[in-house]
Structures are given as C-alpha cells and as structure tokens.
Amino acid sequence: MPAWSIEPPREQKAIDTLTAAFRQSRFDIRSVLRVLFNSSFFKNARFQHLKSPAEVVVGSLRLVGGYELPRPGYGDLSMQPAYMGQDLLNPPSVEGWHTGPEWINSGSLMARINFVAGLVGDPSLPGVRAIIDRLKTKGSLSPEQLVDGCLDLLGPVQVSPETRKELVAQAKEWGQTGWASETSAKTADKRVGEMLQLIVATREYQFA
C-alpha cells in the first residue's frame, strides 16, 4: 500500500470522485460504494489485483468446501500462506506486507498453483463435486463445452483467446466428456478435475 505523502495515488481523479461523493452524501458510505461500483475506473481495474497468499488459501477453501469445521490437517493449512511468502504472524516490518507482483517469484508461484490445483483436482470435496454435477446435467460435453463450463463455474473466469485455445487443445485430446456409464463417469470426473487444475494455473485465474 503506497504512502501518499511519499508516492501519489495512481489515479487521483478516482480519489477525488469518491471524496466528493462522500461529502455530498453527508458521509454515507453506501453512496460512496454505489459511485465506486458503477465507475469506469473500478471496472477497468479488473484483473489488476494479485491475491495475497492468505486470499489464495481462504478463497480456495471456500471454493472447494469441506473445511468449515476443524479436522486433522488444519495445522498444515495454516502454514500454506507462509510457503507462499506470507507468514501471517510474522510480517517483515510494522507496515506489513507489500502487495501485488511482489507476491510472485518462481518458488511462491509454484506453491500457489500446487496448493489450488491439489484442491480443485479432488472430486471428493463438495465444491468440486458440485461443479462436476452441474456439468453432468448438460450431458455429453464437447471440448469447447468442457472448457467453457469449467471457466464459468470456477468464477466465472475470463481468459485470453490464446489461453482458451490452449485449454481447448488439451480438451480435444480427451474427446467428448460424458457420464453415460460408470466407467465413463469416472473418466469424466477425472477430466473435469484436470481441466480445473489447468485453469487455476493460468495467469488469468491468479489475477482474477
């Protein structure tokens, strides 16, 4: 977080707009949020926020479900942010952690991807099972339908044409995905999990 007395805000007009809304509404924060959420600068900031390790861990656990109550293994979960560079009870200084691209280096990126991929690839987790079951209701899925369905249910996540092309190319190697029989259902579950893992490894997902 920049100290504005030293480093000016990146978009002073946005600050001025919100300040004016706050004053004109007689300090009603709801009015400020209404202006913010309808503003172009808010919408243009999409995909500009890089999740902190804590956000990665908590958001991923909420997505896959099954971790609402304490159970064995929670101790390891509490260490995951530290593996990604954010030791929650040990900030580098009194100002806390720096944010943005500083979260990413070769080691922390792999830790982030491996953690999320390990969760979304587990069909026994209720959130992953729910994604599979929703895709299953559509019947047999083409490669394009599999990719678009997974992107939608993971966010929705918007990816670049190049990224989507790569995902579809992988899905085409698998062919149609369907749950018509017990054998094909196991294969389909596995494919959905693998597609989810590919998506969470993309740059777009990490910045979503």
Protein backbone atom coordinates (compact mmCIF):
# COMPACT_ATOMS: atom_id res chain seq x y z
CA MET A 1 0.00 0.00 0.00
CA PRO A 2 1.69 3.27 -1.09
CA ALA A 3 2.11 6.12 1.40
CA TRP A 4 0.50 9.01 -0.47
CA SER A 5 2.66 11.58 1.28
CA ILE A 6 5.62 9.96 -0.50
CA GLU A 7 4.10 8.24 -3.54
CA PRO A 8 0.99 9.78 -5.16
CA PRO A 9 -2.06 7.58 -5.90
CA ARG A 10 -2.10 6.06 -9.37
CA GLU A 11 -5.44 7.68 -10.25
CA GLN A 12 -6.05 10.95 -8.43
CA LYS A 13 -9.32 11.50 -10.31
CA ALA A 14 -10.76 8.35 -8.74
CA ILE A 15 -9.83 9.57 -5.26
CA ASP A 16 -11.38 12.97 -5.94
CA THR A 17 -14.59 11.37 -7.24
CA LEU A 18 -15.02 9.20 -4.15
CA THR A 19 -14.14 12.08 -1.83
CA ALA A 20 -16.76 14.28 -3.47
CA ALA A 21 -19.38 11.52 -3.22
CA PHE A 22 -18.59 11.08 0.47
CA ARG A 23 -19.03 14.76 1.22
CA GLN A 24 -22.14 15.25 -0.95
CA SER A 25 -23.88 12.29 0.70
CA ARG A 26 -23.12 13.73 4.15
CA PHE A 27 -20.65 10.95 4.82
CA ASP A 28 -22.83 7.99 3.83
CA ILE A 29 -20.50 5.13 2.91
CA ARG A 30 -23.29 3.41 0.92
CA SER A 31 -23.31 6.31 -1.53
CA VAL A 32 -19.55 6.10 -1.90
CA LEU A 33 -19.74 2.38 -2.67
CA ARG A 34 -22.51 2.99 -5.19
CA VAL A 35 -20.34 5.51 -7.03
CA LEU A 36 -17.34 3.21 -6.82
CA PHE A 37 -19.06 0.08 -8.15
CA ASN A 38 -20.60 1.98 -11.08
CA SER A 39 -17.44 3.82 -12.03
CA SER A 40 -15.30 3.08 -15.07
CA PHE A 41 -12.09 3.14 -13.02
CA PHE A 42 -13.45 0.34 -10.81
CA LYS A 43 -14.46 -1.79 -13.80
CA ASN A 44 -11.17 -1.14 -15.59
CA ALA A 45 -9.26 -2.37 -12.53
CA ARG A 46 -10.46 -5.92 -13.10
CA PHE A 47 -7.64 -8.48 -13.19
CA GLN A 48 -5.25 -5.94 -11.66
CA HIS A 49 -5.34 -7.37 -8.13
CA LEU A 50 -2.93 -10.16 -7.33
CA LYS A 51 -4.27 -12.25 -4.48
CA SER A 52 -2.20 -12.40 -1.32
CA PRO A 53 -1.30 -15.89 -0.07
CA ALA A 54 -3.96 -15.59 2.64
CA GLU A 55 -6.57 -14.75 -0.01
CA VAL A 56 -5.42 -17.69 -2.13
CA VAL A 57 -5.77 -20.15 0.74
CA VAL A 58 -9.06 -18.88 2.17
CA GLY A 59 -10.67 -18.34 -1.24
CA SER A 60 -9.66 -21.81 -2.43
CA LEU A 61 -11.00 -23.50 0.70
CA ARG A 62 -14.29 -21.66 0.32
CA LEU A 63 -14.49 -22.74 -3.30
CA VAL A 64 -13.96 -26.46 -2.71
CA GLY A 65 -15.80 -26.67 0.63
CA GLY A 66 -15.42 -29.33 3.28
CA TYR A 67 -13.27 -27.22 5.60
CA GLU A 68 -15.97 -25.46 7.56
CA LEU A 69 -15.21 -27.33 10.81
CA PRO A 70 -11.87 -28.21 12.40
CA ARG A 71 -10.39 -31.56 11.44
CA PRO A 72 -6.96 -33.21 11.23
CA GLY A 73 -4.68 -31.41 8.79
CA TYR A 74 -5.68 -27.87 9.68
CA GLY A 75 -2.22 -27.25 11.06
CA ASP A 76 -0.71 -27.75 7.63
CA LEU A 77 -3.31 -25.45 6.08
CA SER A 78 -2.27 -22.68 8.44
CA MET A 79 1.29 -22.96 7.09
CA GLN A 80 0.33 -22.68 3.43
CA PRO A 81 0.42 -18.85 3.29
CA ALA A 82 3.95 -18.96 4.73
CA TYR A 83 5.05 -21.34 1.97
CA MET A 84 3.76 -18.74 -0.50
CA GLY A 85 5.61 -15.87 1.19
CA GLN A 86 3.18 -14.57 3.82
CA ASP A 87 3.89 -15.76 7.34
CA LEU A 88 0.69 -14.40 8.85
CA LEU A 89 2.01 -13.68 12.35
CA ASN A 90 5.43 -12.55 11.23
CA PRO A 91 5.24 -9.56 8.86
CA PRO A 92 8.55 -8.22 7.52
CA SER A 93 8.06 -4.85 9.25
CA VAL A 94 5.48 -2.79 11.12
CA GLU A 95 3.98 -1.63 7.82
CA GLY A 96 3.00 -5.21 6.99
CA TRP A 97 3.47 -6.94 3.67
CA HIS A 98 3.92 -5.27 0.32
CA THR A 99 1.33 -6.34 -2.21
CA GLY A 100 0.96 -7.01 -5.91
CA PRO A 101 3.64 -8.65 -8.08
CA GLU A 102 5.96 -8.89 -5.09
CA TRP A 103 3.95 -11.94 -4.05
CA ILE A 104 5.21 -13.81 -7.10
CA ASN A 105 8.56 -15.45 -7.63
CA SER A 106 9.46 -18.85 -9.03
CA GLY A 107 9.05 -20.62 -5.69
CA SER A 108 5.91 -18.90 -4.41
CA LEU A 109 4.16 -19.22 -7.78
CA MET A 110 4.62 -22.98 -7.79
CA ALA A 111 3.41 -23.16 -4.18
CA ARG A 112 0.27 -21.19 -5.09
CA ILE A 113 -0.53 -23.28 -8.14
CA ASN A 114 0.18 -26.62 -6.47
CA PHE A 115 -2.00 -25.75 -3.48
CA VAL A 116 -5.04 -24.71 -5.51
CA ALA A 117 -4.58 -27.48 -8.09
CA GLY A 118 -4.42 -30.07 -5.35
CA LEU A 119 -7.80 -28.93 -4.06
CA VAL A 120 -9.73 -28.50 -7.31
CA GLY A 121 -8.46 -31.85 -8.58
CA ASP A 122 -10.13 -33.71 -5.69
CA PRO A 123 -13.68 -34.75 -6.72
CA SER A 124 -14.47 -35.86 -3.15
CA LEU A 125 -14.59 -32.25 -1.98
CA PRO A 126 -18.16 -30.90 -2.02
CA GLY A 127 -17.41 -27.77 -4.03
CA VAL A 128 -15.60 -29.74 -6.74
CA ARG A 129 -18.36 -32.35 -6.69
CA ALA A 130 -20.93 -29.59 -7.20
CA ILE A 131 -19.06 -28.34 -10.29
CA ILE A 132 -18.93 -31.88 -11.71
CA ASP A 133 -22.62 -32.46 -11.01
CA ARG A 134 -23.62 -29.21 -12.73
CA LEU A 135 -21.59 -30.13 -15.80
CA LYS A 136 -23.08 -33.63 -15.71
CA THR A 137 -26.61 -32.23 -16.13
CA LYS A 138 -25.60 -30.95 -19.58
CA GLY A 139 -24.97 -34.47 -20.86
CA SER A 140 -22.07 -35.24 -23.16
CA LEU A 141 -19.74 -32.25 -23.45
CA SER A 142 -17.63 -31.24 -26.43
CA PRO A 143 -14.09 -30.00 -25.68
CA GLU A 144 -15.26 -26.41 -26.03
CA GLN A 145 -18.23 -27.00 -23.72
CA LEU A 146 -15.99 -28.62 -21.12
CA VAL A 147 -13.58 -25.67 -21.11
CA ASP A 148 -16.30 -23.01 -21.07
CA GLY A 149 -18.27 -24.84 -18.39
CA CYS A 150 -15.26 -25.13 -16.10
CA LEU A 151 -14.33 -21.48 -16.65
CA ASP A 152 -17.87 -20.40 -15.83
CA LEU A 153 -18.21 -22.49 -12.67
CA LEU A 154 -14.79 -21.51 -11.34
CA GLY A 155 -15.61 -17.84 -11.31
CA PRO A 156 -16.62 -17.12 -13.94
CA VAL A 157 -13.04 -16.72 -15.13
CA GLN A 158 -12.32 -14.75 -18.29
CA VAL A 159 -9.22 -15.85 -20.16
CA SER A 160 -7.49 -14.54 -23.25
CA PRO A 161 -8.22 -16.15 -26.64
CA GLU A 162 -4.73 -17.65 -26.56
CA THR A 163 -5.27 -19.25 -23.15
CA ARG A 164 -8.69 -20.61 -24.16
CA LYS A 165 -7.16 -22.05 -27.33
CA GLU A 166 -4.58 -23.94 -25.28
CA LEU A 167 -7.23 -25.27 -22.89
CA VAL A 168 -9.45 -26.41 -25.76
CA ALA A 169 -6.47 -28.08 -27.46
CA GLN A 170 -5.91 -30.17 -24.34
CA ALA A 171 -9.61 -30.99 -24.06
CA LYS A 172 -9.66 -32.12 -27.71
CA GLU A 173 -7.04 -34.73 -26.88
CA TRP A 174 -9.60 -36.21 -24.47
CA GLY A 175 -12.52 -36.04 -26.90
CA GLN A 176 -16.13 -35.96 -25.69
CA THR A 177 -16.70 -35.95 -21.94
CA GLY A 178 -19.77 -37.79 -20.69
CA TRP A 179 -21.24 -39.69 -17.77
CA ALA A 180 -23.28 -42.33 -19.65
CA SER A 181 -21.77 -45.31 -17.81
CA GLU A 182 -19.93 -45.96 -14.57
CA THR A 183 -16.61 -46.27 -16.41
CA SER A 184 -17.10 -43.12 -18.47
CA ALA A 185 -18.29 -41.25 -15.37
CA LYS A 186 -15.00 -41.94 -13.57
CA THR A 187 -13.09 -40.76 -16.62
CA ALA A 188 -15.28 -37.66 -16.93
CA ASP A 189 -14.79 -36.77 -13.26
CA LYS A 190 -11.04 -37.07 -13.75
CA ARG A 191 -11.11 -34.88 -16.85
CA VAL A 192 -13.08 -32.16 -15.11
CA GLY A 193 -10.61 -32.17 -12.23
CA GLU A 194 -7.68 -31.95 -14.62
CA MET A 195 -9.29 -29.11 -16.56
CA LEU A 196 -9.91 -27.21 -13.32
CA GLN A 197 -6.25 -27.71 -12.43
CA LEU A 198 -5.15 -26.31 -15.78
CA ILE A 199 -7.37 -23.27 -15.35
CA VAL A 200 -6.13 -22.41 -11.85
CA ALA A 201 -2.58 -22.48 -13.21
CA THR A 202 -3.33 -19.71 -15.72
CA ARG A 203 -2.30 -16.10 -15.24
CA GLU A 204 -5.91 -15.01 -15.64
CA TYR A 205 -7.05 -17.12 -12.69
CA GLN A 206 -4.23 -15.89 -10.47
CA PHE A 207 -5.24 -12.29 -11.17
CA ALA A 208 -9.00 -12.85 -11.12
